């Protein structure tokens, strides 16, 4: 970290932020907001690691679900299909139709 950065942090944190962590959180939000490629990469990683659903990942990426699906396909990332297991579906069918 440069000397200028260190001095800047000493001045900024006590006057504008409660802690260095608050400053880092805001810096992260600014980077994510202003760098679409980074935002998309973050969303892809969250999706691949099952930390966010398809819809939430698309929202994080700033894309529609369809656009996010296209990126997944372009990168060869398999989509996880969410839904009930077959026995659960069979049970529901029997409940509804007898």
PDB file of N, CA and C in Angstrom:
ATOM      1  N   UNK A   1       0.858  -1.173   0.000  1.00  0.00           N
ATOM      2  CA  UNK A   1       0.000   0.000   0.000  1.00  0.00           C
ATOM      3  C   UNK A   1       0.903   1.235   0.000  1.00  0.00           C
ATOM      4  N   UNK A   2       0.598   2.186  -0.842  1.00  0.00           N
ATOM      5  CA  UNK A   2       1.436   3.384  -0.950  1.00  0.00           C
ATOM      6  C   UNK A   2       1.275   4.269   0.291  1.00  0.00           C
ATOM      7  N   UNK A   3       2.248   5.116   0.484  1.00  0.00           N
ATOM      8  CA  UNK A   3       2.219   6.046   1.612  1.00  0.00           C
ATOM      9  C   UNK A   3       1.021   6.993   1.503  1.00  0.00           C
ATOM     10  N   UNK A   4       0.720   7.424   0.272  1.00  0.00           N
ATOM     11  CA  UNK A   4      -0.423   8.303   0.047  1.00  0.00           C
ATOM     12  C   UNK A   4      -1.724   7.615   0.467  1.00  0.00           C
ATOM     13  N   UNK A   5      -1.860   6.333   0.115  1.00  0.00           N
ATOM     14  CA  UNK A   5      -3.057   5.582   0.498  1.00  0.00           C
ATOM     15  C   UNK A   5      -3.160   5.470   2.010  1.00  0.00           C
ATOM     16  N   UNK A   6      -2.059   5.153   2.670  1.00  0.00           N
ATOM     17  CA  UNK A   6      -2.060   5.039   4.135  1.00  0.00           C
ATOM     18  C   UNK A   6      -2.485   6.343   4.794  1.00  0.00           C
ATOM     19  N   UNK A   7      -1.929   7.447   4.306  1.00  0.00           N
ATOM     20  CA  UNK A   7      -2.274   8.753   4.875  1.00  0.00           C
ATOM     21  C   UNK A   7      -3.727   9.114   4.587  1.00  0.00           C
ATOM     22  N   UNK A   8      -4.174   8.785   3.384  1.00  0.00           N
ATOM     23  CA  UNK A   8      -5.566   9.044   3.031  1.00  0.00           C
ATOM     24  C   UNK A   8      -6.524   8.286   3.930  1.00  0.00           C
ATOM     25  N   UNK A   9      -6.203   7.037   4.210  1.00  0.00           N
ATOM     26  CA  UNK A   9      -7.045   6.240   5.096  1.00  0.00           C
ATOM     27  C   UNK A   9      -7.091   6.815   6.505  1.00  0.00           C
ATOM     28  N   UNK A  10      -5.957   7.288   6.985  1.00  0.00           N
ATOM     29  CA  UNK A  10      -5.917   7.890   8.328  1.00  0.00           C
ATOM     30  C   UNK A  10      -6.850   9.099   8.412  1.00  0.00           C
ATOM     31  N   UNK A  11      -6.941   9.843   7.320  1.00  0.00           N
ATOM     32  CA  UNK A  11      -7.803  11.026   7.309  1.00  0.00           C
ATOM     33  C   UNK A  11      -9.268  10.672   7.059  1.00  0.00           C
ATOM     34  N   UNK A  12      -9.519   9.743   6.145  1.00  0.00           N
ATOM     35  CA  UNK A  12     -10.897   9.420   5.762  1.00  0.00           C
ATOM     36  C   UNK A  12     -11.672   8.669   6.837  1.00  0.00           C
ATOM     37  N   UNK A  13     -11.058   7.659   7.385  1.00  0.00           N
ATOM     38  CA  UNK A  13     -11.804   6.770   8.281  1.00  0.00           C
ATOM     39  C   UNK A  13     -12.409   7.510   9.472  1.00  0.00           C
ATOM     40  N   UNK A  14     -11.662   8.275  10.225  1.00  0.00           N
ATOM     41  CA  UNK A  14     -12.296   8.896  11.401  1.00  0.00           C
ATOM     42  C   UNK A  14     -13.352   9.947  11.057  1.00  0.00           C
ATOM     43  N   UNK A  15     -13.254  10.554   9.884  1.00  0.00           N
ATOM     44  CA  UNK A  15     -14.177  11.631   9.528  1.00  0.00           C
ATOM     45  C   UNK A  15     -15.396  11.168   8.743  1.00  0.00           C
ATOM     46  N   UNK A  16     -15.257  10.105   7.978  1.00  0.00           N
ATOM     47  CA  UNK A  16     -16.342   9.716   7.078  1.00  0.00           C
ATOM     48  C   UNK A  16     -16.860   8.291   7.281  1.00  0.00           C
ATOM     49  N   UNK A  17     -16.107   7.474   7.992  1.00  0.00           N
ATOM     50  CA  UNK A  17     -16.487   6.069   8.172  1.00  0.00           C
ATOM     51  C   UNK A  17     -16.314   5.667   9.624  1.00  0.00           C
ATOM     52  N   UNK A  18     -17.138   4.710  10.048  1.00  0.00           N
ATOM     53  CA  UNK A  18     -17.020   4.214  11.421  1.00  0.00           C
ATOM     54  C   UNK A  18     -15.799   3.329  11.587  1.00  0.00           C
ATOM     55  N   UNK A  19     -15.418   2.667  10.481  1.00  0.00           N
ATOM     56  CA  UNK A  19     -14.282   1.743  10.567  1.00  0.00           C
ATOM     57  C   UNK A  19     -13.689   1.535   9.173  1.00  0.00           C
ATOM     58  N   UNK A  20     -12.525   0.907   9.160  1.00  0.00           N
ATOM     59  CA  UNK A  20     -11.891   0.570   7.888  1.00  0.00           C
ATOM     60  C   UNK A  20     -12.779  -0.413   7.117  1.00  0.00           C
ATOM     61  N   UNK A  21     -13.469  -1.285   7.843  1.00  0.00           N
ATOM     62  CA  UNK A  21     -14.377  -2.244   7.204  1.00  0.00           C
ATOM     63  C   UNK A  21     -15.503  -1.526   6.462  1.00  0.00           C
ATOM     64  N   UNK A  22     -16.056  -0.472   7.058  1.00  0.00           N
ATOM     65  CA  UNK A  22     -17.107   0.304   6.381  1.00  0.00           C
ATOM     66  C   UNK A  22     -16.586   0.933   5.094  1.00  0.00           C
ATOM     67  N   UNK A  23     -15.363   1.449   5.151  1.00  0.00           N
ATOM     68  CA  UNK A  23     -14.747   2.035   3.962  1.00  0.00           C
ATOM     69  C   UNK A  23     -14.559   0.971   2.877  1.00  0.00           C
ATOM     70  N   UNK A  24     -14.073  -0.209   3.266  1.00  0.00           N
ATOM     71  CA  UNK A  24     -13.866  -1.286   2.292  1.00  0.00           C
ATOM     72  C   UNK A  24     -15.186  -1.752   1.679  1.00  0.00           C
ATOM     73  N   UNK A  25     -16.242  -1.823   2.490  1.00  0.00           N
ATOM     74  CA  UNK A  25     -17.547  -2.219   1.955  1.00  0.00           C
ATOM     75  C   UNK A  25     -18.046  -1.217   0.918  1.00  0.00           C
ATOM     76  N   UNK A  26     -17.880   0.063   1.206  1.00  0.00           N
ATOM     77  CA  UNK A  26     -18.310   1.066   0.228  1.00  0.00           C
ATOM     78  C   UNK A  26     -17.451   1.003  -1.035  1.00  0.00           C
ATOM     79  N   UNK A  27     -16.145   0.816  -0.861  1.00  0.00           N
ATOM     80  CA  UNK A  27     -15.251   0.710  -2.013  1.00  0.00           C
ATOM     81  C   UNK A  27     -15.648  -0.486  -2.880  1.00  0.00           C
ATOM     82  N   UNK A  28     -15.990  -1.606  -2.239  1.00  0.00           N
ATOM     83  CA  UNK A  28     -16.419  -2.792  -2.971  1.00  0.00           C
ATOM     84  C   UNK A  28     -17.691  -2.503  -3.753  1.00  0.00           C
ATOM     85  N   UNK A  29     -18.671  -1.860  -3.128  1.00  0.00           N
ATOM     86  CA  UNK A  29     -19.923  -1.525  -3.816  1.00  0.00           C
ATOM     87  C   UNK A  29     -19.663  -0.620  -5.015  1.00  0.00           C
ATOM     88  N   UNK A  30     -18.756   0.327  -4.866  1.00  0.00           N
ATOM     89  CA  UNK A  30     -18.442   1.249  -5.964  1.00  0.00           C
ATOM     90  C   UNK A  30     -17.804   0.484  -7.129  1.00  0.00           C
ATOM     91  N   UNK A  31     -16.874  -0.403  -6.818  1.00  0.00           N
ATOM     92  CA  UNK A  31     -16.222  -1.188  -7.872  1.00  0.00           C
ATOM     93  C   UNK A  31     -17.249  -2.048  -8.590  1.00  0.00           C
ATOM     94  N   UNK A  32     -18.089  -2.743  -7.828  1.00  0.00           N
ATOM     95  CA  UNK A  32     -19.099  -3.618  -8.419  1.00  0.00           C
ATOM     96  C   UNK A  32     -20.075  -2.818  -9.282  1.00  0.00           C
ATOM     97  N   UNK A  33     -20.463  -1.656  -8.808  1.00  0.00           N
ATOM     98  CA  UNK A  33     -21.423  -0.821  -9.553  1.00  0.00           C
ATOM     99  C   UNK A  33     -20.819  -0.309 -10.851  1.00  0.00           C
ATOM    100  N   UNK A  34     -19.536   0.003 -10.839  1.00  0.00           N
ATOM    101  CA  UNK A  34     -18.915   0.661 -11.988  1.00  0.00           C
ATOM    102  C   UNK A  34     -18.135  -0.260 -12.920  1.00  0.00           C
ATOM    103  N   UNK A  35     -18.025  -1.516 -12.586  1.00  0.00           N
ATOM    104  CA  UNK A  35     -17.271  -2.465 -13.414  1.00  0.00           C
ATOM    105  C   UNK A  35     -18.162  -3.667 -13.742  1.00  0.00           C
ATOM    106  N   UNK A  36     -18.947  -3.562 -14.812  1.00  0.00           N
ATOM    107  CA  UNK A  36     -19.878  -4.643 -15.158  1.00  0.00           C
ATOM    108  C   UNK A  36     -19.217  -6.012 -15.315  1.00  0.00           C
ATOM    109  N   UNK A  37     -18.012  -6.066 -15.856  1.00  0.00           N
ATOM    110  CA  UNK A  37     -17.343  -7.356 -16.032  1.00  0.00           C
ATOM    111  C   UNK A  37     -17.065  -8.024 -14.690  1.00  0.00           C
ATOM    112  N   UNK A  38     -16.639  -7.226 -13.717  1.00  0.00           N
ATOM    113  CA  UNK A  38     -16.384  -7.774 -12.383  1.00  0.00           C
ATOM    114  C   UNK A  38     -17.691  -8.229 -11.751  1.00  0.00           C
ATOM    115  N   UNK A  39     -18.742  -7.448 -11.944  1.00  0.00           N
ATOM    116  CA  UNK A  39     -20.062  -7.790 -11.398  1.00  0.00           C
ATOM    117  C   UNK A  39     -20.539  -9.131 -11.971  1.00  0.00           C
ATOM    118  N   UNK A  40     -20.338  -9.322 -13.267  1.00  0.00           N
ATOM    119  CA  UNK A  40     -20.741 -10.577 -13.907  1.00  0.00           C
ATOM    120  C   UNK A  40     -19.897 -11.741 -13.385  1.00  0.00           C
ATOM    121  N   UNK A  41     -18.599 -11.531 -13.250  1.00  0.00           N
ATOM    122  CA  UNK A  41     -17.725 -12.593 -12.738  1.00  0.00           C
ATOM    123  C   UNK A  41     -18.117 -12.986 -11.315  1.00  0.00           C
ATOM    124  N   UNK A  42     -18.444 -11.995 -10.500  1.00  0.00           N
ATOM    125  CA  UNK A  42     -18.897 -12.268  -9.129  1.00  0.00           C
ATOM    126  C   UNK A  42     -20.179 -13.098  -9.159  1.00  0.00           C
ATOM    127  N   UNK A  43     -21.121 -12.704  -9.994  1.00  0.00           N
ATOM    128  CA  UNK A  43     -22.391 -13.419 -10.091  1.00  0.00           C
ATOM    129  C   UNK A  43     -22.172 -14.858 -10.566  1.00  0.00           C
ATOM    130  N   UNK A  44     -21.278 -15.051 -11.525  1.00  0.00           N
ATOM    131  CA  UNK A  44     -20.984 -16.396 -12.008  1.00  0.00           C
ATOM    132  C   UNK A  44     -20.385 -17.269 -10.905  1.00  0.00           C
ATOM    133  N   UNK A  45     -19.461 -16.713 -10.155  1.00  0.00           N
ATOM    134  CA  UNK A  45     -18.843 -17.468  -9.063  1.00  0.00           C
ATOM    135  C   UNK A  45     -19.865 -17.819  -7.989  1.00  0.00           C
ATOM    136  N   UNK A  46     -20.714 -16.871  -7.646  1.00  0.00           N
ATOM    137  CA  UNK A  46     -21.750 -17.140  -6.650  1.00  0.00           C
ATOM    138  C   UNK A  46     -22.680 -18.243  -7.138  1.00  0.00           C
ATOM    139  N   UNK A  47     -23.045 -18.204  -8.410  1.00  0.00           N
ATOM    140  CA  UNK A  47     -23.921 -19.223  -8.979  1.00  0.00           C
ATOM    141  C   UNK A  47     -23.229 -20.587  -9.006  1.00  0.00           C
ATOM    142  N   UNK A  48     -21.986 -20.630  -9.505  1.00  0.00           N
ATOM    143  CA  UNK A  48     -21.263 -21.898  -9.601  1.00  0.00           C
ATOM    144  C   UNK A  48     -21.069 -22.545  -8.230  1.00  0.00           C
ATOM    145  N   UNK A  49     -20.874 -21.725  -7.215  1.00  0.00           N
ATOM    146  CA  UNK A  49     -20.646 -22.235  -5.860  1.00  0.00           C
ATOM    147  C   UNK A  49     -21.939 -22.395  -5.065  1.00  0.00           C
ATOM    148  N   UNK A  50     -23.065 -22.267  -5.759  1.00  0.00           N
ATOM    149  CA  UNK A  50     -24.398 -22.449  -5.169  1.00  0.00           C
ATOM    150  C   UNK A  50     -24.657 -21.521  -3.980  1.00  0.00           C
ATOM    151  N   UNK A  51     -24.108 -20.310  -4.091  1.00  0.00           N
ATOM    152  CA  UNK A  51     -24.333 -19.298  -3.061  1.00  0.00           C
ATOM    153  C   UNK A  51     -25.477 -18.376  -3.448  1.00  0.00           C
ATOM    154  N   UNK A  52     -25.890 -18.439  -4.721  1.00  0.00           N
ATOM    155  CA  UNK A  52     -26.998 -17.611  -5.206  1.00  0.00           C
ATOM    156  C   UNK A  52     -27.744 -18.387  -6.293  1.00  0.00           C
ATOM    157  N   UNK A  53     -29.045 -18.184  -6.332  1.00  0.00           N
ATOM    158  CA  UNK A  53     -29.877 -18.824  -7.355  1.00  0.00           C
ATOM    159  C   UNK A  53     -29.605 -18.192  -8.718  1.00  0.00           C
ATOM    160  N   UNK A  54     -30.182 -18.780  -9.731  1.00  0.00           N
ATOM    161  CA  UNK A  54     -30.062 -18.232 -11.085  1.00  0.00           C
ATOM    162  C   UNK A  54     -30.616 -16.813 -11.140  1.00  0.00           C
ATOM    163  N   UNK A  55     -31.803 -16.611 -10.588  1.00  0.00           N
ATOM    164  CA  UNK A  55     -32.435 -15.281 -10.622  1.00  0.00           C
ATOM    165  C   UNK A  55     -31.614 -14.269  -9.828  1.00  0.00           C
ATOM    166  N   UNK A  56     -31.133 -14.649  -8.650  1.00  0.00           N
ATOM    167  CA  UNK A  56     -30.347 -13.726  -7.825  1.00  0.00           C
ATOM    168  C   UNK A  56     -29.016 -13.414  -8.508  1.00  0.00           C
ATOM    169  N   UNK A  57     -28.394 -14.416  -9.102  1.00  0.00           N
ATOM    170  CA  UNK A  57     -27.126 -14.193  -9.812  1.00  0.00           C
ATOM    171  C   UNK A  57     -27.312 -13.242 -10.982  1.00  0.00           C
ATOM    172  N   UNK A  58     -28.401 -13.424 -11.720  1.00  0.00           N
ATOM    173  CA  UNK A  58     -28.699 -12.521 -12.838  1.00  0.00           C
ATOM    174  C   UNK A  58     -28.881 -11.097 -12.326  1.00  0.00           C
ATOM    175  N   UNK A  59     -29.585 -10.963 -11.210  1.00  0.00           N
ATOM    176  CA  UNK A  59     -29.799  -9.630 -10.621  1.00  0.00           C
ATOM    177  C   UNK A  59     -28.470  -8.998 -10.212  1.00  0.00           C
ATOM    178  N   UNK A  60     -27.602  -9.769  -9.572  1.00  0.00           N
ATOM    179  CA  UNK A  60     -26.281  -9.266  -9.172  1.00  0.00           C
ATOM    180  C   UNK A  60     -25.494  -8.825 -10.399  1.00  0.00           C
ATOM    181  N   UNK A  61     -25.583  -9.616 -11.469  1.00  0.00           N
ATOM    182  CA  UNK A  61     -24.858  -9.303 -12.707  1.00  0.00           C
ATOM    183  C   UNK A  61     -25.439  -8.097 -13.432  1.00  0.00           C
ATOM    184  N   UNK A  62     -26.660  -7.703 -13.056  1.00  0.00           N
ATOM    185  CA  UNK A  62     -27.312  -6.593 -13.745  1.00  0.00           C
ATOM    186  C   UNK A  62     -27.880  -7.010 -15.085  1.00  0.00           C
ATOM    187  N   UNK A  63     -28.253  -8.295 -15.190  1.00  0.00           N
ATOM    188  CA  UNK A  63     -28.753  -8.852 -16.443  1.00  0.00           C
ATOM    189  C   UNK A  63     -30.131  -9.463 -16.222  1.00  0.00           C
ATOM    190  N   UNK A  64     -30.807  -9.727 -17.335  1.00  0.00           N
ATOM    191  CA  UNK A  64     -32.044 -10.497 -17.230  1.00  0.00           C
ATOM    192  C   UNK A  64     -31.653 -11.957 -17.025  1.00  0.00           C
ATOM    193  N   UNK A  65     -32.597 -12.749 -16.587  1.00  0.00           N
ATOM    194  CA  UNK A  65     -32.332 -14.177 -16.399  1.00  0.00           C
ATOM    195  C   UNK A  65     -31.930 -14.821 -17.722  1.00  0.00           C
ATOM    196  N   UNK A  66     -32.574 -14.428 -18.794  1.00  0.00           N
ATOM    197  CA  UNK A  66     -32.247 -14.981 -20.118  1.00  0.00           C
ATOM    198  C   UNK A  66     -30.813 -14.626 -20.508  1.00  0.00           C
ATOM    199  N   UNK A  67     -30.425 -13.373 -20.298  1.00  0.00           N
ATOM    200  CA  UNK A  67     -29.051 -12.963 -20.626  1.00  0.00           C
ATOM    201  C   UNK A  67     -28.031 -13.740 -19.782  1.00  0.00           C
ATOM    202  N   UNK A  68     -28.346 -13.930 -18.507  1.00  0.00           N
ATOM    203  CA  UNK A  68     -27.434 -14.662 -17.628  1.00  0.00           C
ATOM    204  C   UNK A  68     -27.328 -16.124 -18.064  1.00  0.00           C
ATOM    205  N   UNK A  69     -28.443 -16.717 -18.465  1.00  0.00           N
ATOM    206  CA  UNK A  69     -28.426 -18.093 -18.980  1.00  0.00           C
ATOM    207  C   UNK A  69     -27.532 -18.194 -20.209  1.00  0.00           C
ATOM    208  N   UNK A  70     -27.577 -17.189 -21.072  1.00  0.00           N
ATOM    209  CA  UNK A  70     -26.744 -17.186 -22.277  1.00  0.00           C
ATOM    210  C   UNK A  70     -25.261 -17.152 -21.917  1.00  0.00           C
ATOM    211  N   UNK A  71     -24.913 -16.363 -20.902  1.00  0.00           N
ATOM    212  CA  UNK A  71     -23.511 -16.306 -20.459  1.00  0.00           C
ATOM    213  C   UNK A  71     -23.091 -17.659 -19.896  1.00  0.00           C
ATOM    214  N   UNK A  72     -23.969 -18.269 -19.102  1.00  0.00           N
ATOM    215  CA  UNK A  72     -23.667 -19.606 -18.572  1.00  0.00           C
ATOM    216  C   UNK A  72     -23.397 -20.583 -19.710  1.00  0.00           C
ATOM    217  N   UNK A  73     -24.258 -20.567 -20.721  1.00  0.00           N
ATOM    218  CA  UNK A  73     -24.098 -21.473 -21.864  1.00  0.00           C
ATOM    219  C   UNK A  73     -22.807 -21.173 -22.621  1.00  0.00           C
ATOM    220  N   UNK A  74     -22.527 -19.891 -22.848  1.00  0.00           N
ATOM    221  CA  UNK A  74     -21.307 -19.499 -23.562  1.00  0.00           C
ATOM    222  C   UNK A  74     -20.051 -19.979 -22.841  1.00  0.00           C
ATOM    223  N   UNK A  75     -20.114 -20.016 -21.516  1.00  0.00           N
ATOM    224  CA  UNK A  75     -18.947 -20.417 -20.724  1.00  0.00           C
ATOM    225  C   UNK A  75     -18.950 -21.907 -20.398  1.00  0.00           C
ATOM    226  N   UNK A  76     -19.966 -22.610 -20.871  1.00  0.00           N
ATOM    227  CA  UNK A  76     -20.033 -24.040 -20.621  1.00  0.00           C
ATOM    228  C   UNK A  76     -20.373 -24.401 -19.182  1.00  0.00           C
ATOM    229  N   UNK A  77     -21.049 -23.509 -18.511  1.00  0.00           N
ATOM    230  CA  UNK A  77     -21.450 -23.757 -17.119  1.00  0.00           C
ATOM    231  C   UNK A  77     -22.847 -24.363 -17.137  1.00  0.00           C
ATOM    232  N   UNK A  78     -22.956 -25.547 -16.574  1.00  0.00           N
ATOM    233  CA  UNK A  78     -24.252 -26.221 -16.543  1.00  0.00           C
ATOM    234  C   UNK A  78     -25.164 -25.554 -15.529  1.00  0.00           C
ATOM    235  N   UNK A  79     -26.414 -25.431 -15.937  1.00  0.00           N
ATOM    236  CA  UNK A  79     -27.406 -24.861 -15.025  1.00  0.00           C
ATOM    237  C   UNK A  79     -27.946 -25.956 -14.128  1.00  0.00           C
ATOM    238  N   UNK A  80     -28.168 -25.586 -12.884  1.00  0.00           N
ATOM    239  CA  UNK A  80     -28.810 -26.491 -11.942  1.00  0.00           C
ATOM    240  C   UNK A  80     -30.304 -26.267 -12.054  1.00  0.00           C
ATOM    241  N   UNK A  81     -31.017 -27.329 -12.314  1.00  0.00           N
ATOM    242  CA  UNK A  81     -32.464 -27.232 -12.398  1.00  0.00           C
ATOM    243  C   UNK A  81     -33.022 -27.495 -11.006  1.00  0.00           C
ATOM    244  N   UNK A  82     -33.711 -26.497 -10.490  1.00  0.00           N
ATOM    245  CA  UNK A  82     -34.261 -26.623  -9.148  1.00  0.00           C
ATOM    246  C   UNK A  82     -35.689 -27.138  -9.231  1.00  0.00           C
ATOM    247  N   UNK A  83     -36.021 -28.001  -8.316  1.00  0.00           N
ATOM    248  CA  UNK A  83     -37.375 -28.520  -8.283  1.00  0.00           C
ATOM    249  C   UNK A  83     -37.486 -29.701  -7.337  1.00  0.00           C
ATOM    250  N   UNK A  84     -38.686 -30.185  -7.191  1.00  0.00           N
ATOM    251  CA  UNK A  84     -38.940 -31.315  -6.310  1.00  0.00           C
ATOM    252  C   UNK A  84     -38.381 -32.599  -6.910  1.00  0.00           C
ATOM    253  N   UNK A  85     -38.093 -33.540  -6.033  1.00  0.00           N
ATOM    254  CA  UNK A  85     -37.658 -34.868  -6.450  1.00  0.00           C
ATOM    255  C   UNK A  85     -38.864 -35.624  -7.017  1.00  0.00           C
ATOM    256  N   UNK A  86     -38.615 -36.637  -7.833  1.00  0.00           N
ATOM    257  CA  UNK A  86     -39.672 -37.419  -8.478  1.00  0.00           C
ATOM    258  C   UNK A  86     -40.679 -37.986  -7.463  1.00  0.00           C
ATOM    259  N   UNK A  87     -40.238 -38.621  -6.362  1.00  0.00           N
ATOM    260  CA  UNK A  87     -41.224 -39.151  -5.407  1.00  0.00           C
ATOM    261  C   UNK A  87     -42.150 -38.064  -4.844  1.00  0.00           C
ATOM    262  N   UNK A  88     -41.609 -36.881  -4.620  1.00  0.00           N
ATOM    263  CA  UNK A  88     -42.416 -35.771  -4.106  1.00  0.00           C
ATOM    264  C   UNK A  88     -43.437 -35.319  -5.148  1.00  0.00           C
ATOM    265  N   UNK A  89     -43.036 -35.287  -6.399  1.00  0.00           N
ATOM    266  CA  UNK A  89     -43.956 -34.914  -7.486  1.00  0.00           C
ATOM    267  C   UNK A  89     -45.066 -35.958  -7.601  1.00  0.00           C
ATOM    268  N   UNK A  90     -44.691 -37.244  -7.550  1.00  0.00           N
ATOM    269  CA  UNK A  90     -45.684 -38.324  -7.613  1.00  0.00           C
ATOM    270  C   UNK A  90     -46.693 -38.205  -6.472  1.00  0.00           C
ATOM    271  N   UNK A  91     -46.203 -37.896  -5.284  1.00  0.00           N
ATOM    272  CA  UNK A  91     -47.074 -37.743  -4.112  1.00  0.00           C
ATOM    273  C   UNK A  91     -48.077 -36.614  -4.336  1.00  0.00           C
ATOM    274  N   UNK A  92     -47.603 -35.490  -4.865  1.00  0.00           N
ATOM    275  CA  UNK A  92     -48.491 -34.348  -5.116  1.00  0.00           C
ATOM    276  C   UNK A  92     -49.538 -34.677  -6.179  1.00  0.00           C
ATOM    277  N   UNK A  93     -49.125 -35.410  -7.203  1.00  0.00           N
ATOM    278  CA  UNK A  93     -50.078 -35.803  -8.262  1.00  0.00           C
ATOM    279  C   UNK A  93     -51.180 -36.676  -7.677  1.00  0.00           C
ATOM    280  N   UNK A  94     -50.789 -37.631  -6.826  1.00  0.00           N
ATOM    281  CA  UNK A  94     -51.780 -38.520  -6.202  1.00  0.00           C
ATOM    282  C   UNK A  94     -52.731 -37.739  -5.299  1.00  0.00           C
ATOM    283  N   UNK A  95     -52.174 -36.725  -4.579  1.00  0.00           N
ATOM    284  CA  UNK A  95     -53.026 -35.906  -3.703  1.00  0.00           C
ATOM    285  C   UNK A  95     -54.069 -35.125  -4.523  1.00  0.00           C
ATOM    286  N   UNK A  96     -53.652 -34.615  -5.654  1.00  0.00           N
ATOM    287  CA  UNK A  96     -54.544 -33.787  -6.465  1.00  0.00           C
ATOM    288  C   UNK A  96     -55.539 -34.645  -7.254  1.00  0.00           C
ATOM    289  N   UNK A  97     -55.048 -35.729  -7.881  1.00  0.00           N
ATOM    290  CA  UNK A  97     -55.902 -36.498  -8.789  1.00  0.00           C
ATOM    291  C   UNK A  97     -56.396 -37.820  -8.191  1.00  0.00           C
ATOM    292  N   UNK A  98     -55.948 -38.130  -7.001  1.00  0.00           N
ATOM    293  CA  UNK A  98     -56.433 -39.343  -6.331  1.00  0.00           C
ATOM    294  C   UNK A  98     -55.748 -40.567  -6.661  1.00  0.00           C
TER     295      UNK A  98
END
